[in-house]
Amino acid sequence: MSNTTNGSPMITPGQTLENPVTGERFTFTHTAATTNGELLAFDFALRPGGAVPIPHVHPIQTERFEVLEGQMRFRIGLRTVVAGPGDVIEVAPGVAHAFANAGEQEARLRVEVRPALRMEQMFAEVVAMAKAGRMTRRGLPRNPLELAVLARKYDQEAHAPLMSVGVQRMLLAPLVFSARHPRTGLVAALTASLGALA
C-alpha cells in the first residue's frame, strides 16, 4: 500500500485485514477518510474459539454490532449476552466490554464505530505485529515496551477497564519513555534498582 496517514497505512473500502493470532477478519466498507471521520464500518468475521484479547473501553466511541451468522458472546459491563443472527448489540462510550465466538462455526457481524478516530490504523498496526510474530497467543504484544507504546498511541480509541485514560497514561509513562529512549530508560531503571538496594 502506498497511501499512508500519519505513518500508518491508509485503509480503503474493500480492503481486508486478517489477524492470524486472534482469528479476527475485517473487511472495511466505510473508513475515516470516506466519512469525514464520522464512521468506521466493516464486516467482521471471527473463527470458532476466537476472541478479542482483553476487555476494553472506548472512551469516546459508540460501537454497534449486528450479528449476521453464528453465535457471539458479549460481556458488556457486568452483563453477559449471547447473540445470534439478527441481534444487535450497542456499546456506549465508557462501558467495558469484550466478545468471543460462542459457536462452532465462523461468526460474521457488521460493525459500526462512531466516530472513527484512528481505529482502522490501530487494527492495521496490531495485525502487522501479529503477522510478524510479535504477539502472544492471546493477541497482546510479547514485548511490554511495545504494549505500552501501542496502548499510549491509541488510548483515545481503547484503554484498559477500571481506569481513566489519564491514569493509564501515568502508569504507562515509564515504559513508554524506556521504549522511546532505550539507553536513558535503561539507565533510569538501573539507577532506581541500585537505589532500592542501598
N, C-alpha and C. Protein backbone atom coordinates (compact mmCIF):
# COMPACT_ATOMS: atom_id res chain seq x y z
N MET A 1 0.84 -1.18 0.00
CA MET A 1 0.00 0.00 0.00
C MET A 1 0.88 1.24 0.00
N SER A 2 0.60 2.16 -0.89
CA SER A 2 1.43 3.35 -0.97
C SER A 2 0.87 4.50 -0.15
N ASN A 3 -0.45 4.51 0.02
CA ASN A 3 -1.05 5.60 0.78
C ASN A 3 -0.80 5.41 2.27
N THR A 4 -0.40 6.51 2.92
CA THR A 4 -0.22 6.45 4.36
C THR A 4 -0.84 7.67 5.00
N THR A 5 -1.18 7.53 6.28
CA THR A 5 -1.67 8.66 7.05
C THR A 5 -0.98 8.60 8.41
N ASN A 6 -0.28 9.66 8.74
CA ASN A 6 0.49 9.72 9.99
C ASN A 6 1.43 8.52 10.14
N GLY A 7 2.02 8.09 9.01
CA GLY A 7 2.98 6.99 9.07
C GLY A 7 2.35 5.61 9.06
N SER A 8 1.02 5.50 9.15
CA SER A 8 0.34 4.21 9.12
C SER A 8 -0.30 4.01 7.75
N PRO A 9 -0.40 2.75 7.29
CA PRO A 9 -1.06 2.51 6.01
C PRO A 9 -2.50 3.04 6.03
N MET A 10 -2.92 3.64 4.92
CA MET A 10 -4.29 4.13 4.83
C MET A 10 -5.20 2.99 4.41
N ILE A 11 -6.24 2.76 5.18
CA ILE A 11 -7.21 1.70 4.88
C ILE A 11 -8.21 2.24 3.86
N THR A 12 -8.57 1.41 2.88
CA THR A 12 -9.53 1.81 1.86
C THR A 12 -10.72 0.84 1.86
N PRO A 13 -11.92 1.33 1.47
CA PRO A 13 -13.08 0.43 1.40
C PRO A 13 -12.78 -0.77 0.51
N GLY A 14 -13.22 -1.93 0.96
CA GLY A 14 -12.98 -3.17 0.24
C GLY A 14 -11.74 -3.91 0.71
N GLN A 15 -10.89 -3.24 1.46
CA GLN A 15 -9.66 -3.86 1.95
C GLN A 15 -9.97 -4.80 3.12
N THR A 16 -9.25 -5.91 3.20
CA THR A 16 -9.42 -6.89 4.27
C THR A 16 -8.12 -7.03 5.05
N LEU A 17 -8.24 -7.04 6.37
CA LEU A 17 -7.13 -7.33 7.27
C LEU A 17 -7.50 -8.57 8.05
N GLU A 18 -6.54 -9.49 8.23
CA GLU A 18 -6.81 -10.70 8.99
C GLU A 18 -5.73 -10.89 10.04
N ASN A 19 -6.17 -11.08 11.29
CA ASN A 19 -5.24 -11.31 12.40
C ASN A 19 -5.09 -12.82 12.58
N PRO A 20 -3.90 -13.38 12.27
CA PRO A 20 -3.73 -14.83 12.37
C PRO A 20 -3.70 -15.35 13.80
N VAL A 21 -3.53 -14.47 14.76
CA VAL A 21 -3.46 -14.89 16.17
C VAL A 21 -4.85 -14.96 16.79
N THR A 22 -5.64 -13.90 16.65
CA THR A 22 -6.95 -13.83 17.30
C THR A 22 -8.07 -14.42 16.45
N GLY A 23 -7.82 -14.62 15.16
CA GLY A 23 -8.86 -15.14 14.29
C GLY A 23 -9.85 -14.09 13.83
N GLU A 24 -9.50 -12.81 13.97
CA GLU A 24 -10.38 -11.72 13.52
C GLU A 24 -10.09 -11.39 12.06
N ARG A 25 -11.15 -11.10 11.29
CA ARG A 25 -11.01 -10.66 9.90
C ARG A 25 -11.91 -9.43 9.69
N PHE A 26 -11.31 -8.36 9.19
CA PHE A 26 -12.01 -7.09 8.98
C PHE A 26 -12.04 -6.79 7.49
N THR A 27 -13.23 -6.57 6.93
CA THR A 27 -13.35 -6.09 5.55
C THR A 27 -14.06 -4.74 5.62
N PHE A 28 -13.34 -3.69 5.30
CA PHE A 28 -13.82 -2.33 5.53
C PHE A 28 -14.79 -1.88 4.45
N THR A 29 -15.90 -1.28 4.88
CA THR A 29 -16.88 -0.74 3.94
C THR A 29 -16.91 0.79 3.97
N HIS A 30 -16.66 1.38 5.13
CA HIS A 30 -16.59 2.84 5.30
C HIS A 30 -15.40 3.14 6.20
N THR A 31 -14.60 4.12 5.82
CA THR A 31 -13.41 4.46 6.59
C THR A 31 -13.50 5.91 7.07
N ALA A 32 -12.55 6.27 7.92
CA ALA A 32 -12.50 7.65 8.40
C ALA A 32 -12.40 8.62 7.23
N ALA A 33 -11.60 8.26 6.22
CA ALA A 33 -11.40 9.16 5.08
C ALA A 33 -12.67 9.31 4.23
N THR A 34 -13.47 8.25 4.12
CA THR A 34 -14.67 8.32 3.26
C THR A 34 -15.88 8.90 3.98
N THR A 35 -15.80 9.05 5.31
CA THR A 35 -16.95 9.56 6.07
C THR A 35 -16.61 10.84 6.84
N ASN A 36 -15.50 11.47 6.47
CA ASN A 36 -15.06 12.68 7.17
C ASN A 36 -14.89 12.43 8.67
N GLY A 37 -14.44 11.22 9.00
CA GLY A 37 -14.16 10.88 10.39
C GLY A 37 -15.36 10.48 11.22
N GLU A 38 -16.54 10.50 10.63
CA GLU A 38 -17.75 10.23 11.41
C GLU A 38 -18.00 8.75 11.70
N LEU A 39 -17.56 7.87 10.78
CA LEU A 39 -17.93 6.46 10.89
C LEU A 39 -16.80 5.57 10.37
N LEU A 40 -16.58 4.48 11.08
CA LEU A 40 -15.78 3.36 10.58
C LEU A 40 -16.73 2.17 10.57
N ALA A 41 -16.89 1.54 9.42
CA ALA A 41 -17.77 0.37 9.33
C ALA A 41 -17.05 -0.75 8.60
N PHE A 42 -17.28 -1.97 9.09
CA PHE A 42 -16.61 -3.11 8.48
C PHE A 42 -17.41 -4.39 8.72
N ASP A 43 -17.24 -5.33 7.80
CA ASP A 43 -17.76 -6.67 8.00
C ASP A 43 -16.69 -7.40 8.80
N PHE A 44 -17.12 -8.09 9.83
CA PHE A 44 -16.20 -8.70 10.79
C PHE A 44 -16.48 -10.19 10.87
N ALA A 45 -15.43 -10.99 10.78
CA ALA A 45 -15.58 -12.44 10.93
C ALA A 45 -14.65 -12.91 12.04
N LEU A 46 -15.10 -13.90 12.79
CA LEU A 46 -14.33 -14.42 13.91
C LEU A 46 -14.43 -15.94 13.91
N ARG A 47 -13.27 -16.61 13.87
CA ARG A 47 -13.26 -18.07 13.81
C ARG A 47 -13.76 -18.67 15.13
N PRO A 48 -14.18 -19.94 15.11
CA PRO A 48 -14.59 -20.61 16.35
C PRO A 48 -13.45 -20.55 17.37
N GLY A 49 -13.78 -20.18 18.59
CA GLY A 49 -12.78 -20.04 19.64
C GLY A 49 -12.07 -18.70 19.63
N GLY A 50 -12.30 -17.90 18.61
CA GLY A 50 -11.65 -16.59 18.52
C GLY A 50 -12.28 -15.60 19.49
N ALA A 51 -11.45 -14.64 19.93
CA ALA A 51 -11.94 -13.64 20.89
C ALA A 51 -11.07 -12.40 20.82
N VAL A 52 -11.65 -11.27 21.23
CA VAL A 52 -10.86 -10.07 21.40
C VAL A 52 -9.91 -10.33 22.58
N PRO A 53 -8.65 -9.85 22.51
CA PRO A 53 -7.65 -10.25 23.52
C PRO A 53 -8.04 -9.95 24.97
N ILE A 54 -8.54 -8.75 25.25
CA ILE A 54 -8.86 -8.38 26.64
C ILE A 54 -10.08 -7.48 26.66
N PRO A 55 -10.79 -7.42 27.81
CA PRO A 55 -11.85 -6.41 27.94
C PRO A 55 -11.24 -5.03 27.78
N HIS A 56 -12.03 -4.11 27.21
CA HIS A 56 -11.52 -2.77 26.96
C HIS A 56 -12.66 -1.77 26.96
N VAL A 57 -12.28 -0.49 26.93
CA VAL A 57 -13.24 0.62 26.95
C VAL A 57 -12.92 1.54 25.79
N HIS A 58 -13.95 2.00 25.10
CA HIS A 58 -13.79 3.08 24.12
C HIS A 58 -14.28 4.36 24.80
N PRO A 59 -13.38 5.28 25.16
CA PRO A 59 -13.81 6.44 25.94
C PRO A 59 -14.72 7.41 25.19
N ILE A 60 -14.63 7.43 23.86
CA ILE A 60 -15.37 8.42 23.06
C ILE A 60 -16.35 7.76 22.11
N GLN A 61 -16.05 6.57 21.67
CA GLN A 61 -16.78 5.95 20.57
C GLN A 61 -17.94 5.06 21.02
N THR A 62 -18.96 5.03 20.18
CA THR A 62 -20.07 4.08 20.30
C THR A 62 -19.80 2.96 19.30
N GLU A 63 -19.97 1.72 19.75
CA GLU A 63 -19.72 0.57 18.88
C GLU A 63 -21.01 -0.23 18.74
N ARG A 64 -21.37 -0.54 17.50
CA ARG A 64 -22.60 -1.26 17.21
C ARG A 64 -22.27 -2.55 16.47
N PHE A 65 -22.75 -3.68 16.98
CA PHE A 65 -22.51 -4.99 16.39
C PHE A 65 -23.85 -5.58 15.93
N GLU A 66 -23.94 -5.97 14.67
CA GLU A 66 -25.11 -6.70 14.17
C GLU A 66 -24.64 -8.08 13.76
N VAL A 67 -25.16 -9.10 14.44
CA VAL A 67 -24.75 -10.47 14.14
C VAL A 67 -25.47 -10.94 12.87
N LEU A 68 -24.70 -11.42 11.90
CA LEU A 68 -25.26 -11.92 10.64
C LEU A 68 -25.30 -13.44 10.61
N GLU A 69 -24.25 -14.08 11.13
CA GLU A 69 -24.18 -15.54 11.16
C GLU A 69 -23.43 -15.98 12.42
N GLY A 70 -23.82 -17.15 12.94
CA GLY A 70 -23.11 -17.72 14.09
C GLY A 70 -23.61 -17.20 15.42
N GLN A 71 -22.87 -17.52 16.47
CA GLN A 71 -23.23 -17.14 17.83
C GLN A 71 -22.07 -16.38 18.46
N MET A 72 -22.38 -15.26 19.07
CA MET A 72 -21.36 -14.43 19.73
C MET A 72 -21.72 -14.26 21.20
N ARG A 73 -20.68 -14.22 22.04
CA ARG A 73 -20.88 -13.94 23.46
C ARG A 73 -20.25 -12.57 23.74
N PHE A 74 -21.06 -11.67 24.25
CA PHE A 74 -20.59 -10.33 24.61
C PHE A 74 -20.61 -10.17 26.11
N ARG A 75 -19.57 -9.61 26.64
CA ARG A 75 -19.53 -9.20 28.05
C ARG A 75 -19.59 -7.68 28.02
N ILE A 76 -20.68 -7.11 28.53
CA ILE A 76 -20.90 -5.66 28.49
C ILE A 76 -21.11 -5.19 29.92
N GLY A 77 -20.12 -4.50 30.46
CA GLY A 77 -20.19 -4.16 31.86
C GLY A 77 -20.23 -5.44 32.67
N LEU A 78 -21.27 -5.62 33.47
CA LEU A 78 -21.41 -6.83 34.29
C LEU A 78 -22.33 -7.87 33.64
N ARG A 79 -22.86 -7.55 32.46
CA ARG A 79 -23.80 -8.46 31.79
C ARG A 79 -23.09 -9.33 30.77
N THR A 80 -23.59 -10.55 30.59
CA THR A 80 -23.16 -11.42 29.50
C THR A 80 -24.35 -11.65 28.59
N VAL A 81 -24.15 -11.44 27.30
CA VAL A 81 -25.23 -11.60 26.32
C VAL A 81 -24.75 -12.54 25.23
N VAL A 82 -25.54 -13.57 24.93
CA VAL A 82 -25.26 -14.42 23.77
C VAL A 82 -26.18 -13.95 22.65
N ALA A 83 -25.57 -13.63 21.51
CA ALA A 83 -26.32 -13.04 20.40
C ALA A 83 -26.19 -13.90 19.15
N GLY A 84 -27.29 -14.00 18.42
CA GLY A 84 -27.32 -14.76 17.17
C GLY A 84 -27.77 -13.89 16.02
N PRO A 85 -27.97 -14.50 14.85
CA PRO A 85 -28.34 -13.74 13.65
C PRO A 85 -29.54 -12.82 13.89
N GLY A 86 -29.39 -11.56 13.48
CA GLY A 86 -30.45 -10.57 13.65
C GLY A 86 -30.33 -9.76 14.91
N ASP A 87 -29.54 -10.21 15.87
CA ASP A 87 -29.38 -9.47 17.12
C ASP A 87 -28.41 -8.30 16.93
N VAL A 88 -28.72 -7.19 17.59
CA VAL A 88 -27.87 -6.00 17.55
C VAL A 88 -27.44 -5.66 18.97
N ILE A 89 -26.16 -5.48 19.14
CA ILE A 89 -25.58 -5.10 20.43
C ILE A 89 -24.92 -3.74 20.25
N GLU A 90 -25.27 -2.80 21.11
CA GLU A 90 -24.64 -1.48 21.05
C GLU A 90 -23.93 -1.21 22.37
N VAL A 91 -22.69 -0.75 22.27
CA VAL A 91 -21.87 -0.46 23.45
C VAL A 91 -21.61 1.03 23.49
N ALA A 92 -22.05 1.66 24.57
CA ALA A 92 -21.89 3.11 24.72
C ALA A 92 -20.45 3.45 25.11
N PRO A 93 -20.04 4.69 24.87
CA PRO A 93 -18.71 5.11 25.30
C PRO A 93 -18.53 4.91 26.80
N GLY A 94 -17.34 4.49 27.20
CA GLY A 94 -17.03 4.34 28.61
C GLY A 94 -17.44 3.03 29.24
N VAL A 95 -18.06 2.13 28.46
CA VAL A 95 -18.53 0.85 29.00
C VAL A 95 -17.53 -0.25 28.66
N ALA A 96 -17.03 -0.95 29.67
CA ALA A 96 -16.09 -2.05 29.45
C ALA A 96 -16.79 -3.19 28.73
N HIS A 97 -16.12 -3.78 27.77
CA HIS A 97 -16.73 -4.88 27.03
C HIS A 97 -15.66 -5.79 26.43
N ALA A 98 -16.10 -6.99 26.08
CA ALA A 98 -15.28 -7.98 25.40
C ALA A 98 -16.23 -8.87 24.63
N PHE A 99 -15.69 -9.63 23.67
CA PHE A 99 -16.56 -10.51 22.91
C PHE A 99 -15.77 -11.69 22.38
N ALA A 100 -16.50 -12.78 22.09
CA ALA A 100 -15.88 -14.02 21.61
C ALA A 100 -16.90 -14.78 20.76
N ASN A 101 -16.40 -15.65 19.91
CA ASN A 101 -17.25 -16.55 19.14
C ASN A 101 -17.71 -17.65 20.09
N ALA A 102 -19.02 -17.75 20.28
CA ALA A 102 -19.58 -18.73 21.21
C ALA A 102 -20.08 -19.99 20.50
N GLY A 103 -19.87 -20.06 19.19
CA GLY A 103 -20.38 -21.20 18.43
C GLY A 103 -19.29 -22.07 17.86
N GLU A 104 -19.72 -23.01 17.00
CA GLU A 104 -18.79 -23.96 16.39
C GLU A 104 -18.50 -23.64 14.94
N GLN A 105 -19.02 -22.51 14.47
CA GLN A 105 -18.73 -22.08 13.10
C GLN A 105 -18.26 -20.63 13.14
N GLU A 106 -17.71 -20.18 12.04
CA GLU A 106 -17.28 -18.78 11.96
C GLU A 106 -18.47 -17.86 12.21
N ALA A 107 -18.27 -16.84 13.01
CA ALA A 107 -19.30 -15.83 13.24
C ALA A 107 -19.04 -14.66 12.31
N ARG A 108 -20.11 -14.08 11.78
CA ARG A 108 -19.99 -12.91 10.90
C ARG A 108 -20.86 -11.80 11.44
N LEU A 109 -20.31 -10.59 11.48
CA LEU A 109 -21.01 -9.43 12.02
C LEU A 109 -20.80 -8.22 11.12
N ARG A 110 -21.67 -7.26 11.26
CA ARG A 110 -21.46 -5.93 10.68
C ARG A 110 -21.21 -5.00 11.86
N VAL A 111 -20.11 -4.26 11.82
CA VAL A 111 -19.72 -3.42 12.94
C VAL A 111 -19.63 -1.97 12.48
N GLU A 112 -20.16 -1.07 13.32
CA GLU A 112 -20.06 0.37 13.08
C GLU A 112 -19.47 1.03 14.32
N VAL A 113 -18.51 1.92 14.10
CA VAL A 113 -17.86 2.64 15.19
C VAL A 113 -17.99 4.13 14.90
N ARG A 114 -18.55 4.87 15.85
CA ARG A 114 -18.73 6.32 15.69
C ARG A 114 -18.18 7.07 16.89
N PRO A 115 -17.33 8.09 16.67
CA PRO A 115 -16.65 8.48 15.43
C PRO A 115 -15.52 7.49 15.12
N ALA A 116 -14.95 7.61 13.94
CA ALA A 116 -13.94 6.64 13.50
C ALA A 116 -12.64 6.76 14.28
N LEU A 117 -12.22 7.99 14.59
CA LEU A 117 -10.91 8.26 15.19
C LEU A 117 -9.82 7.52 14.39
N ARG A 118 -8.88 6.87 15.07
CA ARG A 118 -7.79 6.16 14.38
C ARG A 118 -7.91 4.65 14.56
N MET A 119 -9.15 4.19 14.71
CA MET A 119 -9.38 2.76 14.96
C MET A 119 -8.84 1.89 13.83
N GLU A 120 -9.02 2.30 12.59
CA GLU A 120 -8.55 1.45 11.48
C GLU A 120 -7.02 1.34 11.47
N GLN A 121 -6.32 2.42 11.82
CA GLN A 121 -4.86 2.37 11.91
C GLN A 121 -4.42 1.44 13.04
N MET A 122 -5.18 1.47 14.15
CA MET A 122 -4.88 0.58 15.27
C MET A 122 -5.01 -0.87 14.83
N PHE A 123 -6.10 -1.22 14.12
CA PHE A 123 -6.28 -2.58 13.62
C PHE A 123 -5.11 -2.97 12.72
N ALA A 124 -4.73 -2.07 11.80
CA ALA A 124 -3.65 -2.37 10.85
C ALA A 124 -2.33 -2.62 11.58
N GLU A 125 -2.05 -1.82 12.60
CA GLU A 125 -0.79 -1.98 13.33
C GLU A 125 -0.78 -3.29 14.11
N VAL A 126 -1.89 -3.61 14.76
CA VAL A 126 -1.98 -4.86 15.53
C VAL A 126 -1.85 -6.08 14.60
N VAL A 127 -2.52 -6.05 13.45
CA VAL A 127 -2.44 -7.17 12.50
C VAL A 127 -1.01 -7.32 11.99
N ALA A 128 -0.34 -6.22 11.69
CA ALA A 128 1.05 -6.29 11.22
C ALA A 128 1.95 -6.93 12.28
N MET A 129 1.74 -6.56 13.54
CA MET A 129 2.53 -7.15 14.63
C MET A 129 2.24 -8.65 14.76
N ALA A 130 0.98 -9.03 14.62
CA ALA A 130 0.62 -10.45 14.71
C ALA A 130 1.27 -11.24 13.59
N LYS A 131 1.25 -10.70 12.37
CA LYS A 131 1.85 -11.40 11.23
C LYS A 131 3.36 -11.50 11.37
N ALA A 132 3.96 -10.55 12.09
CA ALA A 132 5.41 -10.56 12.29
C ALA A 132 5.82 -11.44 13.47
N GLY A 133 4.84 -12.11 14.13
CA GLY A 133 5.16 -13.00 15.24
C GLY A 133 5.47 -12.27 16.54
N ARG A 134 4.99 -11.02 16.66
CA ARG A 134 5.31 -10.22 17.85
C ARG A 134 4.16 -10.22 18.86
N MET A 135 3.19 -11.12 18.69
CA MET A 135 2.06 -11.20 19.61
C MET A 135 2.04 -12.53 20.35
N THR A 136 1.50 -12.50 21.57
CA THR A 136 1.30 -13.74 22.33
C THR A 136 0.09 -14.48 21.74
N ARG A 137 -0.15 -15.68 22.22
CA ARG A 137 -1.32 -16.44 21.75
C ARG A 137 -2.63 -15.73 22.07
N ARG A 138 -2.63 -14.87 23.08
CA ARG A 138 -3.84 -14.11 23.44
C ARG A 138 -4.02 -12.89 22.56
N GLY A 139 -3.00 -12.54 21.76
CA GLY A 139 -3.14 -11.39 20.87
C GLY A 139 -2.62 -10.10 21.45
N LEU A 140 -1.72 -10.18 22.44
CA LEU A 140 -1.10 -8.99 23.03
C LEU A 140 0.38 -8.96 22.66
N PRO A 141 0.97 -7.77 22.53
CA PRO A 141 2.40 -7.70 22.19
C PRO A 141 3.24 -8.47 23.21
N ARG A 142 4.21 -9.24 22.71
CA ARG A 142 5.11 -10.00 23.58
C ARG A 142 6.00 -9.07 24.40
N ASN A 143 6.44 -7.98 23.79
CA ASN A 143 7.33 -7.04 24.44
C ASN A 143 6.51 -6.03 25.24
N PRO A 144 6.70 -5.92 26.56
CA PRO A 144 5.91 -4.98 27.36
C PRO A 144 6.11 -3.53 26.93
N LEU A 145 7.28 -3.21 26.38
CA LEU A 145 7.50 -1.84 25.91
C LEU A 145 6.64 -1.55 24.67
N GLU A 146 6.53 -2.54 23.77
CA GLU A 146 5.66 -2.37 22.60
C GLU A 146 4.20 -2.26 23.02
N LEU A 147 3.81 -3.06 24.02
CA LEU A 147 2.44 -2.97 24.54
C LEU A 147 2.17 -1.58 25.10
N ALA A 148 3.11 -1.03 25.85
CA ALA A 148 2.94 0.30 26.44
C ALA A 148 2.82 1.37 25.37
N VAL A 149 3.67 1.30 24.35
CA VAL A 149 3.64 2.30 23.27
C VAL A 149 2.32 2.20 22.50
N LEU A 150 1.88 0.99 22.19
CA LEU A 150 0.61 0.77 21.48
C LEU A 150 -0.56 1.30 22.29
N ALA A 151 -0.57 0.97 23.59
CA ALA A 151 -1.66 1.41 24.47
C ALA A 151 -1.69 2.93 24.57
N ARG A 152 -0.54 3.56 24.64
CA ARG A 152 -0.48 5.03 24.74
C ARG A 152 -0.89 5.68 23.43
N LYS A 153 -0.44 5.12 22.30
CA LYS A 153 -0.71 5.71 20.98
C LYS A 153 -2.21 5.72 20.67
N TYR A 154 -2.91 4.67 21.09
CA TYR A 154 -4.33 4.54 20.74
C TYR A 154 -5.24 4.61 21.96
N ASP A 155 -4.87 5.37 22.99
CA ASP A 155 -5.70 5.38 24.20
C ASP A 155 -7.00 6.18 24.04
N GLN A 156 -7.15 6.96 22.98
CA GLN A 156 -8.44 7.59 22.71
C GLN A 156 -9.39 6.61 22.03
N GLU A 157 -8.83 5.58 21.40
CA GLU A 157 -9.64 4.55 20.76
C GLU A 157 -10.02 3.44 21.74
N ALA A 158 -9.10 3.04 22.60
CA ALA A 158 -9.38 1.96 23.55
C ALA A 158 -8.39 2.03 24.70
N HIS A 159 -8.89 1.73 25.90
CA HIS A 159 -8.00 1.64 27.05
C HIS A 159 -8.49 0.55 27.99
N ALA A 160 -7.66 0.25 28.99
CA ALA A 160 -7.99 -0.80 29.95
C ALA A 160 -9.21 -0.39 30.78
N PRO A 161 -10.03 -1.36 31.19
CA PRO A 161 -11.18 -1.03 32.05
C PRO A 161 -10.72 -0.65 33.45
N LEU A 162 -11.62 -0.07 34.21
CA LEU A 162 -11.42 0.29 35.62
C LEU A 162 -10.39 1.39 35.83
N MET A 163 -10.05 2.11 34.77
CA MET A 163 -9.17 3.27 34.95
C MET A 163 -9.44 4.27 33.83
N SER A 164 -9.14 5.53 34.11
CA SER A 164 -9.32 6.56 33.10
C SER A 164 -8.11 6.57 32.16
N VAL A 165 -8.25 7.30 31.06
CA VAL A 165 -7.12 7.46 30.13
C VAL A 165 -5.95 8.10 30.87
N GLY A 166 -6.23 9.10 31.71
CA GLY A 166 -5.17 9.79 32.44
C GLY A 166 -4.39 8.86 33.36
N VAL A 167 -5.10 8.00 34.08
CA VAL A 167 -4.43 7.05 34.98
C VAL A 167 -3.60 6.06 34.17
N GLN A 168 -4.16 5.56 33.06
CA GLN A 168 -3.41 4.62 32.22
C GLN A 168 -2.14 5.28 31.69
N ARG A 169 -2.25 6.55 31.24
CA ARG A 169 -1.06 7.25 30.74
C ARG A 169 0.00 7.37 31.82
N MET A 170 -0.43 7.69 33.04
CA MET A 170 0.51 7.85 34.14
C MET A 170 1.23 6.51 34.44
N LEU A 171 0.47 5.42 34.46
CA LEU A 171 1.05 4.12 34.76
C LEU A 171 2.00 3.64 33.66
N LEU A 172 1.67 3.99 32.41
CA LEU A 172 2.49 3.53 31.28
C LEU A 172 3.68 4.44 30.99
N ALA A 173 3.69 5.65 31.56
CA ALA A 173 4.71 6.64 31.20
C ALA A 173 6.15 6.10 31.30
N PRO A 174 6.54 5.40 32.39
CA PRO A 174 7.94 4.92 32.45
C PRO A 174 8.27 3.93 31.33
N LEU A 175 7.32 3.04 30.99
CA LEU A 175 7.57 2.07 29.92
C LEU A 175 7.64 2.75 28.56
N VAL A 176 6.75 3.71 28.32
CA VAL A 176 6.77 4.45 27.05
C VAL A 176 8.08 5.21 26.92
N PHE A 177 8.52 5.85 28.01
CA PHE A 177 9.80 6.58 27.99
C PHE A 177 10.95 5.62 27.68
N SER A 178 10.96 4.45 28.33
CA SER A 178 12.02 3.46 28.09
C SER A 178 12.03 2.97 26.65
N ALA A 179 10.83 2.81 26.07
CA ALA A 179 10.74 2.35 24.67
C ALA A 179 11.26 3.41 23.71
N ARG A 180 10.97 4.67 24.00
CA ARG A 180 11.36 5.75 23.09
C ARG A 180 12.81 6.20 23.30
N HIS A 181 13.34 5.96 24.49
CA HIS A 181 14.71 6.36 24.82
C HIS A 181 15.41 5.17 25.48
N PRO A 182 15.76 4.14 24.71
CA PRO A 182 16.25 2.88 25.30
C PRO A 182 17.44 3.05 26.24
N ARG A 183 18.42 3.83 25.87
CA ARG A 183 19.60 3.96 26.73
C ARG A 183 19.28 4.72 28.00
N THR A 184 18.59 5.85 27.86
CA THR A 184 18.22 6.64 29.03
C THR A 184 17.29 5.84 29.94
N GLY A 185 16.32 5.14 29.33
CA GLY A 185 15.38 4.33 30.11
C GLY A 185 16.07 3.24 30.88
N LEU A 186 17.07 2.60 30.25
CA LEU A 186 17.81 1.55 30.93
C LEU A 186 18.60 2.12 32.10
N VAL A 187 19.23 3.27 31.88
CA VAL A 187 19.99 3.92 32.96
C VAL A 187 19.07 4.27 34.12
N ALA A 188 17.88 4.81 33.80
CA ALA A 188 16.93 5.18 34.85
C ALA A 188 16.48 3.95 35.63
N ALA A 189 16.23 2.84 34.91
CA ALA A 189 15.79 1.62 35.58
C ALA A 189 16.89 1.07 36.48
N LEU A 190 18.14 1.07 35.98
CA LEU A 190 19.26 0.58 36.79
C LEU A 190 19.48 1.47 38.02
N THR A 191 19.39 2.79 37.83
CA THR A 191 19.56 3.72 38.94
C THR A 191 18.50 3.47 40.02
N ALA A 192 17.26 3.27 39.57
CA ALA A 192 16.17 3.01 40.53
C ALA A 192 16.42 1.69 41.27
N SER A 193 16.91 0.66 40.55
CA SER A 193 17.17 -0.63 41.17
C SER A 193 18.31 -0.53 42.19
N LEU A 194 19.38 0.18 41.80
CA LEU A 194 20.51 0.35 42.72
C LEU A 194 20.10 1.16 43.94
N GLY A 195 19.25 2.15 43.74
CA GLY A 195 18.77 2.96 44.85
C GLY A 195 17.96 2.12 45.84
N ALA A 196 17.20 1.16 45.29
CA ALA A 196 16.39 0.31 46.16
C ALA A 196 17.25 -0.64 46.97
N LEU A 197 18.43 -1.01 46.41
CA LEU A 197 19.31 -1.93 47.11
C LEU A 197 20.12 -1.24 48.21
N ALA A 198 20.30 0.07 48.07
CA ALA A 198 21.14 0.82 49.02
C ALA A 198 20.51 0.94 50.39
